[in-house]
Amino acid sequence: MRLVLVISASESRAATLSTHLQSMARLSTVLWTAPDTADTQAIRTHPMEWSSRVLQFFNQALIV
């Protein structure tokens, strides 16, 4: 199974799409909706949490 990390903005239609995507592939999709964040800005609005979540995802996804 291939895991997918979806980082979604909370202030856009993308949040609705991301939630729908995760509901369709719940076992293989990790969703993080960054609070109070516009589209593509999570790395700027929440840099520490972004780094932590991305590294944690890679650690889980790349375990052989």
Protein backbone atom coordinates (compact mmCIF):
# COMPACT_ATOMS: atom_id res chain seq x y z
CA MET A 1 0.00 0.00 0.00
CA ARG A 2 1.29 3.47 -0.87
CA LEU A 3 0.65 6.15 1.76
CA VAL A 4 -0.31 9.68 0.74
CA LEU A 5 0.06 12.81 2.86
CA VAL A 6 -2.47 15.54 2.08
CA ILE A 7 -1.84 18.95 3.63
CA SER A 8 -4.92 21.08 3.28
CA ALA A 9 -5.68 24.72 3.85
CA SER A 10 -8.53 25.46 6.20
CA GLU A 11 -9.64 28.53 4.25
CA SER A 12 -10.43 27.16 0.81
CA ARG A 13 -12.54 24.77 -1.19
CA ALA A 14 -9.49 22.52 -1.14
CA ALA A 15 -10.34 21.62 2.46
CA THR A 16 -13.63 20.07 1.31
CA LEU A 17 -11.91 18.21 -1.50
CA SER A 18 -9.14 16.97 0.81
CA THR A 19 -11.67 15.68 3.32
CA HIS A 20 -13.53 13.87 0.55
CA LEU A 21 -10.28 12.38 -0.77
CA GLN A 22 -9.35 11.09 2.65
CA SER A 23 -12.80 9.55 3.15
CA MET A 24 -12.40 7.66 -0.12
CA ALA A 25 -8.96 6.29 0.78
CA ARG A 26 -8.99 6.32 4.57
CA LEU A 27 -6.43 3.54 5.03
CA SER A 28 -3.80 5.05 2.78
CA THR A 29 -4.31 8.79 3.24
CA VAL A 30 -3.05 10.98 6.07
CA LEU A 31 -4.79 14.36 6.16
CA TRP A 32 -3.64 17.45 8.01
CA THR A 33 -5.79 20.55 7.74
CA ALA A 34 -3.65 23.48 8.83
CA PRO A 35 -5.74 25.88 10.94
CA ASP A 36 -6.21 29.49 9.84
CA THR A 37 -4.27 28.90 6.65
CA ALA A 38 -4.82 29.84 3.02
CA ASP A 39 -4.09 27.47 0.16
CA THR A 40 -0.39 26.43 -0.12
CA GLN A 41 0.61 28.49 2.93
CA ALA A 42 0.88 25.84 5.68
CA ILE A 43 4.67 25.78 5.48
CA ARG A 44 4.67 29.54 6.17
CA THR A 45 1.89 29.76 8.75
CA HIS A 46 2.86 26.64 10.73
CA PRO A 47 6.50 25.84 9.82
CA MET A 48 7.33 23.77 12.92
CA GLU A 49 4.18 21.66 12.75
CA TRP A 50 4.56 21.31 8.97
CA SER A 51 8.11 19.99 9.40
CA SER A 52 7.10 17.67 12.19
CA ARG A 53 4.16 16.19 10.28
CA VAL A 54 6.09 15.74 7.03
CA LEU A 55 9.04 14.06 8.78
CA GLN A 56 6.71 11.84 10.79
CA PHE A 57 4.89 10.85 7.60
CA PHE A 58 8.15 10.00 5.82
CA ASN A 59 9.33 7.96 8.81
CA GLN A 60 6.12 5.92 8.70
CA ALA A 61 5.86 5.63 4.92
CA LEU A 62 9.47 4.64 4.31
CA ILE A 63 9.70 1.86 6.90
CA VAL A 64 10.48 -1.31 5.01
